[in-house]
């Protein structure tokens, strides 16, 4: 701690207030122990934490290992997938174009992407850039995600073209519905306006000036010697043995979730954010007015009562701005976002009034881990009574799993196990086409039906009869959630359509099976 003393009186004042100053600037004194306990409780192999306060980096540190079974440690330079924390970078890029007079937030999307359209012609005509990046287009939660997550062979052009076949589930601008596809569209606007790919613009105009020298945008894997964390998963039910898994391929949806970064570089990013676009040397990347706009809510999010142990976290206001969520906690405005890939989750939290920024990166799928860490940090800087957030978030997670498993068991217990399919198995065999996803096939193998979502690399599932004309799809890739597959029949006994829905609430919203409308391909 820097001390400049002109007199004995100043020295005495500093001495008597030393602990207060320390509490306001330095990280929590129990930080290492808290992170270690969090990692053990949630079984997270590696964590990296960045804290910035009052224009200074007060912590950028790694904990644990990059990969189970490998002693290589996580440090402040270890790269993690930050997933949807990428969205703020896409919005920052758009904000820079607003500053340059090249776009306006309320310009129609089709002004820059004339071929883009959604199912409703009115929404196609009226949808603006602000709508795209505020999740208020009327498209459903996660609509279209199965075109690019988990790994598929779709191109970005195919994803954009398929948007016209996704049905709106709410009136335009009436409801918050988180949607990744819209940020892919936003990234294409950056490319259309600048003549450069989104990734190139982000690297040149944001990473370079800020000094984010090790942050990457890649879907081809890392070069030998690169310091990166490996994703880990227990499977979608969160019940198996924790294992390293392959990285999610994210080239197509990079503007929504494609950046890989670390504590060191995110500390620099957070300082520029908190300084509303101005670099430490005074260079202005974007105007302060853009930050104010990007942190102002454009759509309200319903507030629900949290799990009892987390009642202190219930906000008084909650909304989505542009690439950031906004809410309050203990009288302060919080600007934040989370990110999730298979086997890796993260969060970035800004408290503008306190000049405080927190980033927590993990190589496991437990959001309770990063939440327990950042709430502990917030409480410390807000001078609040300590709360055992580790136990609280763990209790919430256990409750979620128990409730979901009980609901699923109830479904299976209530089924008519004596019922039979309406048709011989071979009658279900064939090709089925969905307007936005494309082709799925049903084949018969060893006396059982097998589903193949042909555009998805891990999309093969064995079908077990559930009841009537509904089958239980169990995907061979255990990170892909189970689904119910139901066949609707025509009066003549032929198949009209094939529908899907997840079997458990533990399924991530990106598995938007409910949006499929497969119909038999006529030969």
Protein backbone atom coordinates (compact mmCIF):
# COMPACT_ATOMS: atom_id res chain seq x y z
CA UNK A 1 0.00 0.00 0.00
CA UNK A 2 1.41 3.40 -1.02
CA UNK A 3 1.90 5.81 1.88
CA UNK A 4 3.00 9.41 1.47
CA UNK A 5 3.49 11.14 4.78
CA UNK A 6 4.14 14.84 5.22
CA UNK A 7 3.82 14.82 8.98
CA UNK A 8 3.44 12.61 11.99
CA UNK A 9 -0.28 13.44 11.97
CA UNK A 10 -0.72 12.05 8.48
CA UNK A 11 1.24 9.00 9.53
CA UNK A 12 -1.04 8.46 12.51
CA UNK A 13 -4.16 8.90 10.36
CA UNK A 14 -2.89 6.37 7.87
CA UNK A 15 -1.99 3.97 10.65
CA UNK A 16 -5.41 4.15 12.29
CA UNK A 17 -7.23 3.76 8.97
CA UNK A 18 -4.92 1.17 7.45
CA UNK A 19 -7.38 -1.67 7.69
CA UNK A 20 -10.16 0.40 6.10
CA UNK A 21 -7.95 1.34 3.15
CA UNK A 22 -6.84 -2.26 2.79
CA UNK A 23 -10.42 -3.47 2.76
CA UNK A 24 -11.34 -0.97 0.06
CA UNK A 25 -8.47 -1.74 -2.31
CA UNK A 26 -6.88 -5.14 -1.75
CA UNK A 27 -8.70 -8.43 -2.44
CA UNK A 28 -10.39 -10.33 0.37
CA UNK A 29 -7.71 -11.65 2.74
CA UNK A 30 -9.27 -15.13 2.67
CA UNK A 31 -9.43 -15.22 -1.14
CA UNK A 32 -7.19 -18.23 -1.64
CA UNK A 33 -8.93 -20.28 1.03
CA UNK A 34 -12.37 -19.29 -0.27
CA UNK A 35 -11.56 -20.30 -3.84
CA UNK A 36 -10.00 -23.57 -2.67
CA UNK A 37 -13.11 -24.46 -0.68
CA UNK A 38 -15.35 -23.49 -3.61
CA UNK A 39 -13.36 -25.72 -5.97
CA UNK A 40 -13.58 -28.65 -3.57
CA UNK A 41 -17.30 -28.19 -2.90
CA UNK A 42 -18.26 -27.95 -6.57
CA UNK A 43 -15.53 -30.29 -7.86
CA UNK A 44 -13.98 -27.72 -10.19
CA UNK A 45 -10.45 -28.54 -11.41
CA UNK A 46 -9.39 -24.99 -12.26
CA UNK A 47 -10.45 -21.41 -11.58
CA UNK A 48 -9.04 -18.04 -12.59
CA UNK A 49 -10.09 -14.78 -10.92
CA UNK A 50 -9.55 -11.14 -11.85
CA UNK A 51 -10.48 -8.18 -9.65
CA UNK A 52 -10.03 -4.54 -10.63
CA UNK A 53 -10.74 -1.67 -8.26
CA UNK A 54 -10.33 2.06 -8.70
CA UNK A 55 -8.39 1.68 -11.92
CA UNK A 56 -5.95 -0.91 -10.61
CA UNK A 57 -5.65 -4.67 -10.95
CA UNK A 58 -5.79 -5.95 -7.38
CA UNK A 59 -5.93 -9.64 -8.30
CA UNK A 60 -5.29 -11.73 -11.41
CA UNK A 61 -4.64 -15.27 -10.31
CA UNK A 62 -5.20 -18.89 -11.22
CA UNK A 63 -6.04 -21.83 -8.99
CA UNK A 64 -5.96 -25.56 -9.53
CA UNK A 65 -5.11 -27.36 -12.76
CA UNK A 66 -5.93 -26.91 -16.41
CA UNK A 67 -6.80 -30.58 -16.86
CA UNK A 68 -7.54 -33.43 -14.49
CA UNK A 69 -4.62 -35.84 -14.40
CA UNK A 70 -2.16 -33.19 -15.58
CA UNK A 71 -0.23 -31.07 -13.06
CA UNK A 72 -0.03 -28.00 -15.33
CA UNK A 73 -1.44 -25.18 -13.17
CA UNK A 74 -4.00 -22.53 -14.00
CA UNK A 75 -2.52 -19.04 -13.81
CA UNK A 76 -3.51 -15.52 -14.81
CA UNK A 77 -2.61 -16.25 -18.45
CA UNK A 78 -4.57 -19.50 -18.79
CA UNK A 79 -7.20 -19.21 -21.52
CA UNK A 80 -10.80 -20.21 -20.89
CA UNK A 81 -13.81 -20.00 -23.18
CA UNK A 82 -15.74 -16.97 -21.96
CA UNK A 83 -18.78 -17.98 -24.05
CA UNK A 84 -21.57 -15.39 -23.84
CA UNK A 85 -19.31 -12.83 -22.20
CA UNK A 86 -18.28 -12.39 -25.83
CA UNK A 87 -21.55 -10.55 -26.43
CA UNK A 88 -20.27 -7.40 -24.70
CA UNK A 89 -17.37 -7.28 -27.18
CA UNK A 90 -19.78 -7.47 -30.11
CA UNK A 91 -21.83 -4.65 -28.60
CA UNK A 92 -18.69 -2.58 -27.98
CA UNK A 93 -17.78 -3.00 -31.66
CA UNK A 94 -21.24 -1.80 -32.68
CA UNK A 95 -20.93 1.13 -30.27
CA UNK A 96 -17.71 2.18 -31.96
CA UNK A 97 -19.52 2.18 -35.29
CA UNK A 98 -22.25 4.33 -33.74
CA UNK A 99 -19.56 6.80 -32.64
CA UNK A 100 -18.24 6.89 -36.20
CA UNK A 101 -21.70 7.63 -37.59
CA UNK A 102 -21.74 4.42 -39.61
CA UNK A 103 -24.76 2.91 -37.86
CA UNK A 104 -27.46 3.86 -35.38
CA UNK A 105 -28.83 1.60 -32.65
CA UNK A 106 -32.34 1.95 -34.06
CA UNK A 107 -31.44 1.31 -37.69
CA UNK A 108 -33.33 -1.62 -39.22
CA UNK A 109 -31.28 -4.80 -39.47
CA UNK A 110 -32.22 -5.15 -43.13
CA UNK A 111 -30.56 -1.82 -43.90
CA UNK A 112 -27.23 -3.68 -43.57
CA UNK A 113 -28.34 -7.27 -44.19
CA UNK A 114 -31.08 -6.96 -46.86
CA UNK A 115 -31.48 -10.73 -47.23
CA UNK A 116 -32.09 -11.36 -43.53
CA UNK A 117 -35.63 -12.22 -42.52
CA UNK A 118 -37.62 -13.89 -39.78
CA UNK A 119 -40.99 -15.61 -40.01
CA UNK A 120 -43.09 -12.47 -39.49
CA UNK A 121 -42.66 -9.92 -42.33
CA UNK A 122 -43.55 -7.06 -39.97
CA UNK A 123 -40.79 -8.05 -37.54
CA UNK A 124 -38.36 -8.46 -40.42
CA UNK A 125 -39.08 -4.89 -41.51
CA UNK A 126 -39.08 -3.32 -38.04
CA UNK A 127 -36.33 -5.24 -36.19
CA UNK A 128 -33.46 -2.93 -35.23
CA UNK A 129 -29.90 -3.44 -34.07
CA UNK A 130 -31.06 -2.51 -30.56
CA UNK A 131 -33.70 -5.27 -30.71
CA UNK A 132 -31.12 -7.85 -31.77
CA UNK A 133 -28.77 -7.20 -28.88
CA UNK A 134 -31.49 -6.77 -26.25
CA UNK A 135 -33.16 -10.20 -26.72
CA UNK A 136 -36.57 -8.71 -27.51
CA UNK A 137 -37.22 -9.93 -31.06
CA UNK A 138 -39.99 -12.38 -30.14
CA UNK A 139 -37.83 -15.41 -30.99
CA UNK A 140 -37.90 -18.03 -28.25
CA UNK A 141 -35.36 -18.84 -25.57
CA UNK A 142 -32.38 -20.42 -27.33
CA UNK A 143 -34.28 -20.61 -30.62
CA UNK A 144 -32.01 -21.91 -33.34
CA UNK A 145 -29.17 -22.89 -31.00
CA UNK A 146 -29.21 -26.48 -32.27
CA UNK A 147 -27.90 -25.19 -35.59
CA UNK A 148 -24.55 -24.46 -33.95
CA UNK A 149 -24.52 -26.02 -30.47
CA UNK A 150 -23.40 -28.70 -29.82
CA UNK A 151 -21.00 -29.09 -32.73
CA UNK A 152 -22.66 -29.07 -36.15
CA UNK A 153 -21.61 -28.64 -39.79
CA UNK A 154 -23.80 -25.57 -40.40
CA UNK A 155 -22.20 -22.51 -41.96
CA UNK A 156 -22.96 -19.01 -40.71
CA UNK A 157 -24.78 -18.27 -43.97
CA UNK A 158 -27.02 -21.30 -43.44
CA UNK A 159 -27.80 -20.21 -39.89
CA UNK A 160 -28.81 -16.73 -41.03
CA UNK A 161 -30.96 -18.12 -43.82
CA UNK A 162 -32.71 -20.55 -41.47
CA UNK A 163 -33.83 -17.78 -39.11
CA UNK A 164 -36.88 -17.20 -41.33
CA UNK A 165 -38.27 -20.59 -40.34
CA UNK A 166 -38.11 -20.05 -36.57
CA UNK A 167 -41.51 -19.13 -35.19
CA UNK A 168 -41.86 -16.21 -32.81
CA UNK A 169 -43.15 -17.25 -29.37
CA UNK A 170 -43.93 -13.74 -28.11
CA UNK A 171 -45.02 -10.43 -29.55
CA UNK A 172 -42.24 -8.27 -30.93
CA UNK A 173 -40.51 -6.25 -28.17
CA UNK A 174 -42.91 -7.59 -25.53
CA UNK A 175 -40.79 -10.15 -23.72
CA UNK A 176 -37.18 -10.97 -22.85
CA UNK A 177 -36.13 -14.19 -24.59
CA UNK A 178 -32.39 -14.89 -24.53
CA UNK A 179 -31.20 -15.75 -28.01
CA UNK A 180 -27.71 -16.42 -29.39
CA UNK A 181 -28.69 -16.35 -33.05
CA UNK A 182 -29.41 -12.63 -32.87
CA UNK A 183 -25.81 -11.94 -31.88
CA UNK A 184 -24.59 -13.90 -34.88
CA UNK A 185 -26.67 -11.49 -36.94
CA UNK A 186 -25.16 -8.56 -35.02
CA UNK A 187 -21.67 -9.82 -35.84
CA UNK A 188 -22.60 -9.94 -39.50
CA UNK A 189 -23.65 -6.30 -39.32
CA UNK A 190 -20.16 -5.42 -38.08
CA UNK A 191 -18.73 -7.29 -41.06
CA UNK A 192 -21.15 -5.71 -43.54
CA UNK A 193 -20.43 -2.17 -42.37
CA UNK A 194 -16.65 -2.45 -42.02
CA UNK A 195 -15.86 -4.87 -44.82
CA UNK A 196 -13.93 -6.99 -42.33
CA UNK A 197 -14.88 -10.25 -40.63
CA UNK A 198 -16.21 -9.74 -37.10
CA UNK A 199 -13.19 -11.50 -35.60
CA UNK A 200 -10.72 -9.29 -37.45
CA UNK A 201 -12.47 -6.11 -36.35
CA UNK A 202 -12.54 -7.26 -32.70
CA UNK A 203 -8.83 -8.10 -32.76
CA UNK A 204 -7.76 -4.85 -34.45
CA UNK A 205 -10.05 -2.37 -32.74
CA UNK A 206 -10.50 -3.87 -29.25
CA UNK A 207 -7.92 -6.53 -28.36
CA UNK A 208 -4.99 -4.60 -29.83
CA UNK A 209 -5.56 -1.17 -28.26
CA UNK A 210 -6.50 -2.62 -24.86
CA UNK A 211 -3.45 -4.89 -24.84
CA UNK A 212 -5.34 -8.18 -24.69
CA UNK A 213 -2.33 -9.86 -26.24
CA UNK A 214 -3.09 -13.47 -25.37
CA UNK A 215 -6.87 -13.51 -25.95
CA UNK A 216 -7.89 -15.60 -28.96
CA UNK A 217 -10.78 -16.27 -31.30
CA UNK A 218 -10.28 -19.76 -32.68
CA UNK A 219 -12.25 -22.90 -33.39
CA UNK A 220 -9.33 -24.86 -34.82
CA UNK A 221 -7.73 -25.68 -31.50
CA UNK A 222 -4.77 -24.01 -29.85
CA UNK A 223 -1.23 -24.01 -31.14
CA UNK A 224 1.31 -26.18 -29.28
CA UNK A 225 2.53 -24.53 -26.12
CA UNK A 226 -0.52 -22.29 -25.61
CA UNK A 227 -1.62 -22.03 -21.98
CA UNK A 228 -5.29 -23.09 -22.02
CA UNK A 229 -7.74 -24.83 -19.72
CA UNK A 230 -9.57 -27.99 -20.75
CA UNK A 231 -13.37 -28.28 -20.35
CA UNK A 232 -14.72 -30.89 -17.91
CA UNK A 233 -18.15 -32.47 -17.62
CA UNK A 234 -20.09 -35.04 -15.63
CA UNK A 235 -22.63 -35.38 -18.42
CA UNK A 236 -25.83 -33.44 -18.78
CA UNK A 237 -27.38 -34.99 -15.66
CA UNK A 238 -24.41 -33.72 -13.61
CA UNK A 239 -24.22 -37.15 -12.02
CA UNK A 240 -21.35 -38.99 -13.70
CA UNK A 241 -17.64 -38.97 -13.13
CA UNK A 242 -15.97 -35.67 -13.95
CA UNK A 243 -13.95 -36.04 -17.14
CA UNK A 244 -12.04 -33.83 -19.57
CA UNK A 245 -13.95 -33.29 -22.81
CA UNK A 246 -13.29 -31.70 -26.19
CA UNK A 247 -13.75 -27.98 -26.75
CA UNK A 248 -17.00 -26.76 -28.26
CA UNK A 249 -16.58 -25.70 -31.86
CA UNK A 250 -17.79 -22.10 -32.02
CA UNK A 251 -16.69 -20.56 -35.31
CA UNK A 252 -20.26 -20.07 -36.58
CA UNK A 253 -21.55 -18.45 -33.40
CA UNK A 254 -18.32 -16.63 -32.51
CA UNK A 255 -19.98 -13.16 -32.19
CA UNK A 256 -22.21 -14.66 -29.50
CA UNK A 257 -19.75 -16.89 -27.67
CA UNK A 258 -16.40 -17.36 -29.41
CA UNK A 259 -13.74 -15.51 -27.38
CA UNK A 260 -11.13 -17.31 -25.27
CA UNK A 261 -9.53 -15.11 -22.64
CA UNK A 262 -7.86 -15.09 -19.24
CA UNK A 263 -7.74 -13.19 -15.97
CA UNK A 264 -4.92 -10.91 -17.07
CA UNK A 265 -6.61 -9.74 -20.27
CA UNK A 266 -10.11 -9.55 -18.79
CA UNK A 267 -8.77 -7.28 -16.05
CA UNK A 268 -7.71 -4.85 -18.80
CA UNK A 269 -11.11 -5.21 -20.50
CA UNK A 270 -12.98 -4.51 -17.26
CA UNK A 271 -10.91 -1.41 -16.52
CA UNK A 272 -11.75 0.03 -19.95
CA UNK A 273 -15.41 -0.84 -19.41
CA UNK A 274 -15.47 0.84 -16.00
CA UNK A 275 -13.69 3.84 -17.50
CA UNK A 276 -16.47 3.97 -20.12
CA UNK A 277 -14.32 3.32 -23.14
CA UNK A 278 -11.17 5.26 -22.25
CA UNK A 279 -7.77 3.55 -22.05
CA UNK A 280 -5.35 4.26 -19.18
CA UNK A 281 -3.33 6.57 -21.47
CA UNK A 282 -6.44 8.66 -22.22
CA UNK A 283 -7.17 7.20 -25.64
CA UNK A 284 -10.92 6.97 -26.23
CA UNK A 285 -12.05 3.67 -27.79
CA UNK A 286 -15.71 4.60 -27.51
CA UNK A 287 -17.58 7.52 -26.02
CA UNK A 288 -18.94 7.43 -22.47
CA UNK A 289 -22.41 7.91 -23.93
CA UNK A 290 -22.12 4.48 -25.54
CA UNK A 291 -21.40 2.84 -22.17
CA UNK A 292 -24.40 4.58 -20.65
CA UNK A 293 -26.58 3.26 -23.47
CA UNK A 294 -25.13 -0.23 -23.32
CA UNK A 295 -25.76 -0.42 -19.55
CA UNK A 296 -29.36 0.87 -19.72
CA UNK A 297 -32.10 -1.79 -19.76
CA UNK A 298 -34.14 -2.17 -22.95
CA UNK A 299 -36.36 -4.99 -21.74
CA UNK A 300 -37.49 -6.01 -18.26
CA UNK A 301 -36.88 -9.50 -16.93
CA UNK A 302 -39.47 -10.93 -14.51
CA UNK A 303 -38.20 -11.09 -10.92
CA UNK A 304 -38.78 -14.38 -9.17
CA UNK A 305 -38.20 -15.38 -5.58
CA UNK A 306 -34.80 -17.03 -5.32
CA UNK A 307 -33.97 -20.23 -3.49
CA UNK A 308 -34.42 -19.43 0.25
CA UNK A 309 -30.71 -19.55 1.05
CA UNK A 310 -30.16 -16.93 -1.66
CA UNK A 311 -32.91 -14.49 -0.67
CA UNK A 312 -30.35 -11.72 -0.21
CA UNK A 313 -29.66 -11.80 -3.95
CA UNK A 314 -33.23 -10.89 -4.98
CA UNK A 315 -33.06 -7.66 -6.99
CA UNK A 316 -35.42 -4.71 -7.01
CA UNK A 317 -34.93 -4.27 -10.74
CA UNK A 318 -33.77 -6.70 -13.39
CA UNK A 319 -33.37 -6.20 -17.10
CA UNK A 320 -31.27 -6.74 -20.18
CA UNK A 321 -29.43 -3.84 -21.75
CA UNK A 322 -27.20 -4.42 -24.77
CA UNK A 323 -24.85 -7.36 -24.30
CA UNK A 324 -25.13 -6.94 -20.52
CA UNK A 325 -27.66 -7.82 -17.85
CA UNK A 326 -28.45 -5.10 -15.30
CA UNK A 327 -29.81 -5.42 -11.78
CA UNK A 328 -29.15 -4.19 -8.27
CA UNK A 329 -27.51 -5.75 -5.24
CA UNK A 330 -27.36 -4.09 -1.86
CA UNK A 331 -28.13 -0.67 -3.29
CA UNK A 332 -25.63 -0.79 -6.16
CA UNK A 333 -26.25 -1.21 -9.85
CA UNK A 334 -24.68 -4.40 -11.16
CA UNK A 335 -23.77 -4.77 -14.84
CA UNK A 336 -22.93 -8.39 -15.57
CA UNK A 337 -23.11 -11.42 -17.80
CA UNK A 338 -22.48 -15.13 -17.57
CA UNK A 339 -21.16 -17.51 -20.17
CA UNK A 340 -21.49 -21.24 -20.64
CA UNK A 341 -20.00 -23.80 -23.00
CA UNK A 342 -20.08 -27.54 -22.50
CA UNK A 343 -17.63 -28.09 -19.66
CA UNK A 344 -16.80 -24.43 -18.98
CA UNK A 345 -18.68 -21.51 -17.37
CA UNK A 346 -17.72 -17.94 -16.48
CA UNK A 347 -18.97 -14.57 -15.32
CA UNK A 348 -17.98 -10.91 -15.61
CA UNK A 349 -19.42 -8.47 -13.04
CA UNK A 350 -19.08 -4.68 -13.07
CA UNK A 351 -20.11 -2.31 -10.28
CA UNK A 352 -19.70 1.13 -11.88
CA UNK A 353 -20.44 3.11 -8.69
CA UNK A 354 -17.65 1.28 -6.86
CA UNK A 355 -15.23 1.22 -9.82
CA UNK A 356 -15.15 -2.53 -9.23
CA UNK A 357 -14.88 -5.37 -11.74
CA UNK A 358 -14.78 -9.12 -11.16
CA UNK A 359 -14.21 -11.96 -13.62
CA UNK A 360 -14.35 -15.63 -12.65
CA UNK A 361 -13.42 -18.34 -15.16
CA UNK A 362 -13.89 -22.08 -14.54
CA UNK A 363 -13.29 -25.32 -16.43
CA UNK A 364 -16.38 -27.09 -15.09
CA UNK A 365 -20.13 -26.63 -15.54
CA UNK A 366 -21.02 -25.36 -12.06
CA UNK A 367 -22.38 -21.82 -12.10
CA UNK A 368 -22.68 -21.99 -8.32
CA UNK A 369 -18.89 -21.98 -8.13
CA UNK A 370 -18.36 -18.65 -9.88
CA UNK A 371 -21.40 -17.19 -8.10
CA UNK A 372 -20.08 -18.14 -4.66
CA UNK A 373 -16.77 -16.47 -5.50
CA UNK A 374 -18.06 -13.20 -6.91
CA UNK A 375 -20.71 -12.67 -4.22
CA UNK A 376 -18.01 -13.16 -1.60
CA UNK A 377 -15.95 -10.47 -3.33
CA UNK A 378 -18.91 -8.10 -3.63
CA UNK A 379 -19.75 -8.46 0.05
CA UNK A 380 -16.16 -7.73 0.99
CA UNK A 381 -15.98 -4.51 -1.02
CA UNK A 382 -19.47 -3.47 0.08
CA UNK A 383 -18.46 -3.98 3.74
CA UNK A 384 -21.32 -6.41 4.31
CA UNK A 385 -21.66 -9.17 6.85
CA UNK A 386 -20.10 -12.34 5.39
CA UNK A 387 -22.48 -14.96 4.00
CA UNK A 388 -21.59 -18.59 3.36
CA UNK A 389 -22.33 -18.39 -0.34
CA UNK A 390 -20.59 -21.70 -0.99
CA UNK A 391 -23.08 -23.66 1.09
CA UNK A 392 -25.97 -21.54 -0.20
CA UNK A 393 -25.27 -22.11 -3.89
CA UNK A 394 -24.48 -25.77 -3.29
CA UNK A 395 -27.85 -26.21 -1.56
CA UNK A 396 -29.56 -24.52 -4.49
CA UNK A 397 -27.86 -26.84 -6.98
CA UNK A 398 -28.76 -29.96 -4.99
CA UNK A 399 -32.36 -28.74 -4.81
CA UNK A 400 -32.51 -28.12 -8.58
CA UNK A 401 -31.19 -31.58 -9.36
CA UNK A 402 -33.52 -33.28 -6.89
CA UNK A 403 -36.58 -31.41 -8.21
CA UNK A 404 -35.74 -32.12 -11.83
CA UNK A 405 -35.06 -35.79 -11.17
CA UNK A 406 -38.28 -36.14 -9.15
CA UNK A 407 -40.33 -34.54 -11.93
CA UNK A 408 -38.77 -36.80 -14.53
CA UNK A 409 -39.36 -39.88 -12.36
CA UNK A 410 -43.00 -38.86 -11.98
CA UNK A 411 -43.34 -38.78 -15.77
CA UNK A 412 -41.86 -42.23 -16.14
CA UNK A 413 -43.86 -43.67 -13.25
CA UNK A 414 -47.11 -42.37 -14.74
CA UNK A 415 -46.59 -43.76 -18.23
CA UNK A 416 -48.62 -46.62 -19.61
CA UNK A 417 -45.87 -49.20 -19.70
CA UNK A 418 -48.22 -51.77 -21.22
CA UNK A 419 -48.98 -49.62 -24.26
CA UNK A 420 -47.50 -50.44 -27.65
CA UNK A 421 -46.50 -48.31 -30.63
CA UNK A 422 -49.32 -47.85 -33.14
CA UNK A 423 -47.14 -49.03 -35.99
CA UNK A 424 -44.52 -51.73 -36.58
CA UNK A 425 -41.04 -50.28 -35.95
CA UNK A 426 -40.15 -50.31 -39.64
CA UNK A 427 -42.98 -47.87 -40.33
CA UNK A 428 -41.20 -45.19 -38.26
CA UNK A 429 -37.99 -45.61 -40.27
CA UNK A 430 -37.21 -42.89 -42.77
CA UNK A 431 -36.03 -39.33 -43.34
CA UNK A 432 -37.65 -36.37 -41.59
CA UNK A 433 -37.06 -32.72 -42.40
CA UNK A 434 -37.41 -29.63 -40.20
CA UNK A 435 -37.59 -26.23 -41.94
CA UNK A 436 -34.75 -24.62 -39.97
CA UNK A 437 -32.58 -27.55 -38.87
CA UNK A 438 -32.83 -29.79 -41.88
CA UNK A 439 -32.62 -33.57 -41.96
CA UNK A 440 -33.02 -36.21 -39.26
CA UNK A 441 -33.21 -39.93 -39.89
CA UNK A 442 -34.78 -42.86 -38.10
CA UNK A 443 -33.21 -46.23 -38.76
CA UNK A 444 -33.73 -49.67 -37.28
CA UNK A 445 -30.68 -51.32 -35.74
CA UNK A 446 -30.76 -54.62 -33.88
CA UNK A 447 -34.50 -54.43 -33.42
CA UNK A 448 -34.49 -50.87 -32.05
CA UNK A 449 -34.97 -47.44 -33.55
CA UNK A 450 -32.06 -45.00 -33.78
CA UNK A 451 -32.42 -41.24 -34.28
CA UNK A 452 -29.73 -39.25 -36.07
CA UNK A 453 -29.77 -35.44 -36.10
CA UNK A 454 -27.64 -35.45 -39.21
CA UNK A 455 -26.12 -31.96 -38.92
CA UNK A 456 -24.97 -32.55 -35.32
CA UNK A 457 -21.78 -34.54 -34.83
CA UNK A 458 -22.95 -36.15 -31.59
CA UNK A 459 -26.61 -36.28 -32.51
CA UNK A 460 -27.17 -40.05 -32.49
CA UNK A 461 -29.70 -41.40 -29.98
CA UNK A 462 -31.10 -44.82 -29.23
CA UNK A 463 -34.90 -44.82 -28.98
CA UNK A 464 -36.59 -46.82 -26.25
CA UNK A 465 -40.36 -47.11 -26.26
CA UNK A 466 -41.91 -44.81 -23.64
CA UNK A 467 -45.65 -45.08 -24.28
CA UNK A 468 -47.99 -45.09 -27.27
CA UNK A 469 -46.14 -43.34 -30.11
CA UNK A 470 -43.60 -41.61 -27.88
CA UNK A 471 -40.03 -42.88 -27.53
CA UNK A 472 -37.28 -41.99 -25.07
CA UNK A 473 -34.20 -40.77 -26.96
CA UNK A 474 -30.93 -41.43 -25.15
CA UNK A 475 -28.05 -39.75 -26.93
CA UNK A 476 -24.81 -41.67 -27.08
CA UNK A 477 -22.93 -38.46 -26.35
CA UNK A 478 -23.65 -37.98 -22.65
CA UNK A 479 -23.42 -34.20 -22.74
CA UNK A 480 -26.53 -34.08 -24.97
CA UNK A 481 -29.77 -34.28 -22.93
CA UNK A 482 -32.36 -37.02 -23.33
CA UNK A 483 -35.54 -36.22 -25.24
CA UNK A 484 -39.01 -37.55 -25.83
CA UNK A 485 -39.67 -38.22 -29.52
CA UNK A 486 -43.36 -38.33 -30.43
CA UNK A 487 -44.89 -39.33 -33.76
CA UNK A 488 -48.27 -37.87 -34.76
CA UNK A 489 -50.31 -39.99 -37.14
CA UNK A 490 -52.65 -39.14 -39.98
CA UNK A 491 -56.13 -40.75 -40.11
CA UNK A 492 -54.79 -43.34 -42.57
CA UNK A 493 -52.08 -44.41 -40.12
CA UNK A 494 -49.19 -42.71 -41.90
CA UNK A 495 -46.87 -40.43 -39.94
CA UNK A 496 -47.73 -36.72 -40.10
CA UNK A 497 -44.85 -35.32 -38.05
CA UNK A 498 -42.16 -36.06 -35.47
CA UNK A 499 -41.79 -33.77 -32.44
CA UNK A 500 -39.24 -33.62 -29.65
CA UNK A 501 -39.04 -32.21 -26.13
CA UNK A 502 -36.45 -32.67 -23.37
CA UNK A 503 -37.23 -35.15 -20.60
CA UNK A 504 -35.70 -33.13 -17.77
CA UNK A 505 -35.42 -29.53 -16.63
CA UNK A 506 -31.68 -30.14 -16.24
CA UNK A 507 -31.38 -29.79 -20.01
CA UNK A 508 -29.73 -26.53 -21.07
CA UNK A 509 -32.05 -24.14 -22.90
CA UNK A 510 -29.83 -24.32 -26.00
CA UNK A 511 -31.23 -27.78 -26.67
CA UNK A 512 -34.37 -26.29 -28.19
CA UNK A 513 -35.91 -29.62 -29.18
CA UNK A 514 -39.37 -28.11 -28.75
CA UNK A 515 -38.82 -25.91 -31.80
CA UNK A 516 -38.38 -28.89 -34.13
CA UNK A 517 -41.22 -29.73 -36.50
CA UNK A 518 -39.98 -32.74 -38.45
CA UNK A 519 -42.15 -34.07 -41.26
CA UNK A 520 -41.53 -37.22 -43.29
CA UNK A 521 -39.63 -36.72 -46.51
CA UNK A 522 -41.79 -38.13 -49.28
CA UNK A 523 -39.98 -40.44 -51.62
